[in-house]
Amino acid sequence: MKLDSVTTYEELMEIVNSHDIVLACFVADWCEPCTPMKDELDKLQEELQSIAKMVAIPIDQSKEIALREDVQGVPTIICYKKGKEKDRIGGYKQAASVRKLLKL
């Protein structure tokens, strides 16, 4: 299962405000660690779909989101809970680290 792609800030905010927990993964096609990171999240998505909404944000098509969310590098995962950013991690992380981000 592939992550849904989000390309506008409005779309991201709609998702963030309509789900209790959202994991937004900022990625780029040219980013070598982004591919395995997306693969880890694709695996987790099925497991966590009842707990969290997961989306991919391609920064080259979504510069406004990256700027507004102060993303300094890719991959970056931001965890939103109840409409607000609660935590973020940068760089390639295995599924276990993403679970920790969710406090699971």
N, C-alpha and C. Protein backbone atom coordinates (compact mmCIF):
# COMPACT_ATOMS: atom_id res chain seq x y z
N MET A 1 0.85 -1.18 0.00
CA MET A 1 0.00 0.00 0.00
C MET A 1 0.89 1.24 0.00
N LYS A 2 0.63 2.16 -0.91
CA LYS A 2 1.43 3.38 -1.01
C LYS A 2 0.79 4.51 -0.20
N LEU A 3 1.65 5.38 0.31
CA LEU A 3 1.16 6.55 1.04
C LEU A 3 0.49 7.51 0.07
N ASP A 4 -0.58 8.17 0.53
CA ASP A 4 -1.19 9.23 -0.25
C ASP A 4 -0.21 10.39 -0.33
N SER A 5 -0.19 11.07 -1.47
CA SER A 5 0.69 12.21 -1.67
C SER A 5 -0.10 13.50 -1.45
N VAL A 6 0.51 14.44 -0.75
CA VAL A 6 -0.11 15.73 -0.46
C VAL A 6 0.78 16.80 -1.07
N THR A 7 0.18 17.74 -1.82
CA THR A 7 1.00 18.75 -2.48
C THR A 7 0.63 20.19 -2.14
N THR A 8 -0.46 20.41 -1.40
CA THR A 8 -0.80 21.78 -1.01
C THR A 8 -0.92 21.88 0.50
N TYR A 9 -0.62 23.06 1.01
CA TYR A 9 -0.70 23.29 2.45
C TYR A 9 -2.14 23.12 2.94
N GLU A 10 -3.09 23.59 2.14
CA GLU A 10 -4.49 23.47 2.52
C GLU A 10 -4.91 22.01 2.67
N GLU A 11 -4.46 21.19 1.73
CA GLU A 11 -4.77 19.76 1.78
C GLU A 11 -4.15 19.12 3.04
N LEU A 12 -2.90 19.48 3.34
CA LEU A 12 -2.27 18.95 4.55
C LEU A 12 -3.04 19.35 5.79
N MET A 13 -3.42 20.62 5.89
CA MET A 13 -4.14 21.10 7.08
C MET A 13 -5.51 20.43 7.21
N GLU A 14 -6.16 20.18 6.09
CA GLU A 14 -7.44 19.47 6.12
C GLU A 14 -7.26 18.07 6.71
N ILE A 15 -6.20 17.38 6.29
CA ILE A 15 -5.93 16.04 6.81
C ILE A 15 -5.55 16.11 8.28
N VAL A 16 -4.66 17.03 8.63
CA VAL A 16 -4.21 17.18 10.02
C VAL A 16 -5.38 17.47 10.95
N ASN A 17 -6.31 18.30 10.49
CA ASN A 17 -7.44 18.68 11.34
C ASN A 17 -8.59 17.68 11.34
N SER A 18 -8.54 16.67 10.46
CA SER A 18 -9.63 15.71 10.41
C SER A 18 -9.23 14.32 10.92
N HIS A 19 -8.00 14.18 11.41
CA HIS A 19 -7.53 12.91 11.98
C HIS A 19 -6.86 13.19 13.33
N ASP A 20 -7.01 12.28 14.27
CA ASP A 20 -6.36 12.46 15.57
C ASP A 20 -4.84 12.48 15.45
N ILE A 21 -4.29 11.54 14.66
CA ILE A 21 -2.84 11.44 14.50
C ILE A 21 -2.51 11.38 13.02
N VAL A 22 -1.57 12.22 12.60
CA VAL A 22 -1.11 12.24 11.21
C VAL A 22 0.41 12.19 11.20
N LEU A 23 0.95 11.31 10.38
CA LEU A 23 2.39 11.29 10.13
C LEU A 23 2.61 11.81 8.72
N ALA A 24 3.31 12.92 8.60
CA ALA A 24 3.62 13.50 7.30
C ALA A 24 5.10 13.29 7.04
N CYS A 25 5.41 12.58 5.97
CA CYS A 25 6.80 12.29 5.61
C CYS A 25 7.19 13.16 4.42
N PHE A 26 8.14 14.06 4.65
CA PHE A 26 8.64 14.95 3.62
C PHE A 26 9.78 14.25 2.89
N VAL A 27 9.65 14.11 1.58
CA VAL A 27 10.59 13.33 0.78
C VAL A 27 10.90 14.05 -0.53
N ALA A 28 11.92 13.54 -1.23
CA ALA A 28 12.28 14.06 -2.56
C ALA A 28 12.79 12.91 -3.40
N ASP A 29 12.54 12.98 -4.71
CA ASP A 29 13.00 11.93 -5.62
C ASP A 29 14.52 11.80 -5.64
N TRP A 30 15.23 12.89 -5.47
CA TRP A 30 16.68 12.89 -5.54
C TRP A 30 17.34 12.47 -4.23
N CYS A 31 16.55 12.27 -3.19
CA CYS A 31 17.05 11.95 -1.84
C CYS A 31 17.22 10.44 -1.69
N GLU A 32 18.48 9.99 -1.56
CA GLU A 32 18.73 8.55 -1.45
C GLU A 32 18.08 7.90 -0.23
N PRO A 33 18.14 8.50 0.98
CA PRO A 33 17.50 7.85 2.13
C PRO A 33 15.96 7.89 2.09
N CYS A 34 15.40 8.71 1.22
CA CYS A 34 13.94 8.83 1.16
C CYS A 34 13.27 7.56 0.65
N THR A 35 13.89 6.87 -0.29
CA THR A 35 13.28 5.67 -0.84
C THR A 35 13.11 4.58 0.22
N PRO A 36 14.16 4.22 0.97
CA PRO A 36 13.93 3.22 2.02
C PRO A 36 13.01 3.73 3.13
N MET A 37 13.01 5.04 3.37
CA MET A 37 12.10 5.59 4.39
C MET A 37 10.66 5.42 3.95
N LYS A 38 10.37 5.72 2.68
CA LYS A 38 9.01 5.53 2.16
C LYS A 38 8.63 4.06 2.22
N ASP A 39 9.59 3.16 1.94
CA ASP A 39 9.31 1.72 2.02
C ASP A 39 8.95 1.32 3.45
N GLU A 40 9.67 1.85 4.43
CA GLU A 40 9.36 1.55 5.84
C GLU A 40 7.95 2.04 6.18
N LEU A 41 7.61 3.23 5.73
CA LEU A 41 6.29 3.79 6.03
C LEU A 41 5.18 3.04 5.29
N ASP A 42 5.46 2.62 4.07
CA ASP A 42 4.47 1.82 3.33
C ASP A 42 4.15 0.55 4.10
N LYS A 43 5.17 -0.09 4.68
CA LYS A 43 4.95 -1.30 5.48
C LYS A 43 4.13 -0.99 6.73
N LEU A 44 4.45 0.12 7.37
CA LEU A 44 3.76 0.50 8.60
C LEU A 44 2.32 0.94 8.38
N GLN A 45 2.04 1.48 7.20
CA GLN A 45 0.72 2.06 6.96
C GLN A 45 -0.40 1.05 7.20
N GLU A 46 -0.25 -0.15 6.70
CA GLU A 46 -1.30 -1.14 6.88
C GLU A 46 -1.46 -1.49 8.36
N GLU A 47 -0.35 -1.63 9.05
CA GLU A 47 -0.37 -1.96 10.47
C GLU A 47 -1.01 -0.84 11.31
N LEU A 48 -0.74 0.40 10.95
CA LEU A 48 -1.15 1.54 11.77
C LEU A 48 -2.35 2.30 11.24
N GLN A 49 -2.99 1.81 10.18
CA GLN A 49 -4.05 2.59 9.55
C GLN A 49 -5.21 2.91 10.48
N SER A 50 -5.44 2.11 11.50
CA SER A 50 -6.52 2.41 12.45
C SER A 50 -6.07 3.42 13.51
N ILE A 51 -4.76 3.70 13.56
CA ILE A 51 -4.22 4.59 14.58
C ILE A 51 -3.84 5.95 14.01
N ALA A 52 -3.23 5.95 12.81
CA ALA A 52 -2.70 7.19 12.26
C ALA A 52 -2.90 7.25 10.74
N LYS A 53 -3.13 8.44 10.26
CA LYS A 53 -3.16 8.72 8.82
C LYS A 53 -1.72 9.06 8.43
N MET A 54 -1.23 8.42 7.37
CA MET A 54 0.13 8.65 6.92
C MET A 54 0.12 9.21 5.51
N VAL A 55 0.90 10.27 5.28
CA VAL A 55 0.96 10.88 3.96
C VAL A 55 2.41 11.19 3.59
N ALA A 56 2.67 11.22 2.31
CA ALA A 56 3.98 11.62 1.78
C ALA A 56 3.84 13.02 1.19
N ILE A 57 4.84 13.84 1.43
CA ILE A 57 4.85 15.19 0.88
C ILE A 57 6.13 15.36 0.06
N PRO A 58 5.99 15.33 -1.27
CA PRO A 58 7.16 15.53 -2.14
C PRO A 58 7.55 17.01 -2.14
N ILE A 59 8.68 17.32 -1.52
CA ILE A 59 8.99 18.74 -1.31
C ILE A 59 9.23 19.52 -2.59
N ASP A 60 9.68 18.86 -3.65
CA ASP A 60 9.90 19.58 -4.90
C ASP A 60 8.59 20.07 -5.51
N GLN A 61 7.50 19.38 -5.24
CA GLN A 61 6.18 19.82 -5.72
C GLN A 61 5.40 20.56 -4.63
N SER A 62 5.97 20.64 -3.43
CA SER A 62 5.25 21.18 -2.27
C SER A 62 6.13 22.12 -1.46
N LYS A 63 6.80 23.02 -2.14
CA LYS A 63 7.74 23.92 -1.45
C LYS A 63 7.06 24.75 -0.37
N GLU A 64 5.82 25.17 -0.63
CA GLU A 64 5.10 25.98 0.35
C GLU A 64 4.93 25.22 1.66
N ILE A 65 4.58 23.95 1.58
CA ILE A 65 4.40 23.16 2.81
C ILE A 65 5.72 23.06 3.55
N ALA A 66 6.78 22.73 2.84
CA ALA A 66 8.10 22.58 3.48
C ALA A 66 8.53 23.89 4.16
N LEU A 67 8.29 25.02 3.51
CA LEU A 67 8.65 26.31 4.11
C LEU A 67 7.78 26.61 5.34
N ARG A 68 6.48 26.43 5.21
CA ARG A 68 5.58 26.75 6.32
C ARG A 68 5.76 25.84 7.52
N GLU A 69 6.20 24.59 7.25
CA GLU A 69 6.41 23.65 8.35
C GLU A 69 7.89 23.60 8.78
N ASP A 70 8.71 24.50 8.23
CA ASP A 70 10.12 24.64 8.60
C ASP A 70 10.89 23.32 8.48
N VAL A 71 10.71 22.65 7.35
CA VAL A 71 11.43 21.41 7.08
C VAL A 71 12.82 21.78 6.57
N GLN A 72 13.85 21.33 7.29
CA GLN A 72 15.23 21.69 6.98
C GLN A 72 15.95 20.67 6.11
N GLY A 73 15.43 19.44 6.03
CA GLY A 73 16.07 18.40 5.25
C GLY A 73 15.09 17.26 5.02
N VAL A 74 15.49 16.34 4.15
CA VAL A 74 14.65 15.18 3.87
C VAL A 74 15.47 13.91 4.04
N PRO A 75 14.86 12.83 4.43
CA PRO A 75 13.46 12.75 4.84
C PRO A 75 13.25 13.34 6.24
N THR A 76 12.09 13.92 6.44
CA THR A 76 11.65 14.41 7.75
C THR A 76 10.24 13.90 7.96
N ILE A 77 9.98 13.39 9.15
CA ILE A 77 8.63 12.97 9.51
C ILE A 77 8.13 13.88 10.62
N ILE A 78 6.96 14.46 10.40
CA ILE A 78 6.32 15.27 11.43
C ILE A 78 5.08 14.52 11.89
N CYS A 79 4.96 14.40 13.21
CA CYS A 79 3.79 13.77 13.81
C CYS A 79 2.88 14.87 14.35
N TYR A 80 1.65 14.89 13.85
CA TYR A 80 0.64 15.83 14.31
C TYR A 80 -0.37 15.06 15.16
N LYS A 81 -0.72 15.61 16.30
CA LYS A 81 -1.75 15.01 17.14
C LYS A 81 -2.78 16.08 17.45
N LYS A 82 -4.02 15.74 17.16
CA LYS A 82 -5.15 16.64 17.39
C LYS A 82 -4.91 18.02 16.79
N GLY A 83 -4.38 18.04 15.56
CA GLY A 83 -4.22 19.28 14.81
C GLY A 83 -2.96 20.07 15.07
N LYS A 84 -2.09 19.59 15.96
CA LYS A 84 -0.87 20.33 16.29
C LYS A 84 0.35 19.43 16.16
N GLU A 85 1.47 20.04 15.75
CA GLU A 85 2.72 19.27 15.68
C GLU A 85 3.14 18.87 17.08
N LYS A 86 3.43 17.57 17.24
CA LYS A 86 3.86 17.07 18.55
C LYS A 86 5.32 16.65 18.55
N ASP A 87 5.82 16.20 17.40
CA ASP A 87 7.20 15.72 17.35
C ASP A 87 7.64 15.63 15.90
N ARG A 88 8.95 15.55 15.69
CA ARG A 88 9.48 15.34 14.34
C ARG A 88 10.82 14.63 14.45
N ILE A 89 11.11 13.87 13.41
CA ILE A 89 12.40 13.20 13.30
C ILE A 89 12.92 13.40 11.89
N GLY A 90 14.23 13.48 11.77
CA GLY A 90 14.84 13.66 10.48
C GLY A 90 15.77 12.51 10.14
N GLY A 91 15.97 12.30 8.86
CA GLY A 91 16.83 11.24 8.39
C GLY A 91 16.10 9.91 8.31
N TYR A 92 16.81 8.94 7.74
CA TYR A 92 16.21 7.60 7.59
C TYR A 92 16.01 6.97 8.97
N LYS A 93 14.83 6.44 9.20
CA LYS A 93 14.51 5.75 10.43
C LYS A 93 13.80 4.44 10.10
N GLN A 94 14.08 3.42 10.89
CA GLN A 94 13.37 2.16 10.71
C GLN A 94 12.00 2.26 11.35
N ALA A 95 11.16 1.29 11.04
CA ALA A 95 9.78 1.28 11.52
C ALA A 95 9.70 1.42 13.04
N ALA A 96 10.61 0.81 13.77
CA ALA A 96 10.58 0.88 15.24
C ALA A 96 10.70 2.32 15.73
N SER A 97 11.51 3.13 15.07
CA SER A 97 11.66 4.54 15.45
C SER A 97 10.38 5.32 15.19
N VAL A 98 9.71 4.98 14.11
CA VAL A 98 8.45 5.66 13.79
C VAL A 98 7.39 5.29 14.83
N ARG A 99 7.37 4.03 15.25
CA ARG A 99 6.44 3.62 16.32
C ARG A 99 6.71 4.44 17.59
N LYS A 100 7.98 4.64 17.91
CA LYS A 100 8.34 5.43 19.11
C LYS A 100 7.83 6.85 18.97
N LEU A 101 7.90 7.39 17.77
CA LEU A 101 7.40 8.74 17.52
C LEU A 101 5.91 8.82 17.87
N LEU A 102 5.21 7.73 17.59
CA LEU A 102 3.79 7.67 17.92
C LEU A 102 3.54 7.27 19.37
N LYS A 103 4.61 6.94 20.07
CA LYS A 103 4.54 6.48 21.47
C LYS A 103 3.83 5.14 21.56
N LEU A 104 4.07 4.25 20.57
CA LEU A 104 3.46 2.90 20.55
C LEU A 104 4.46 1.89 21.06
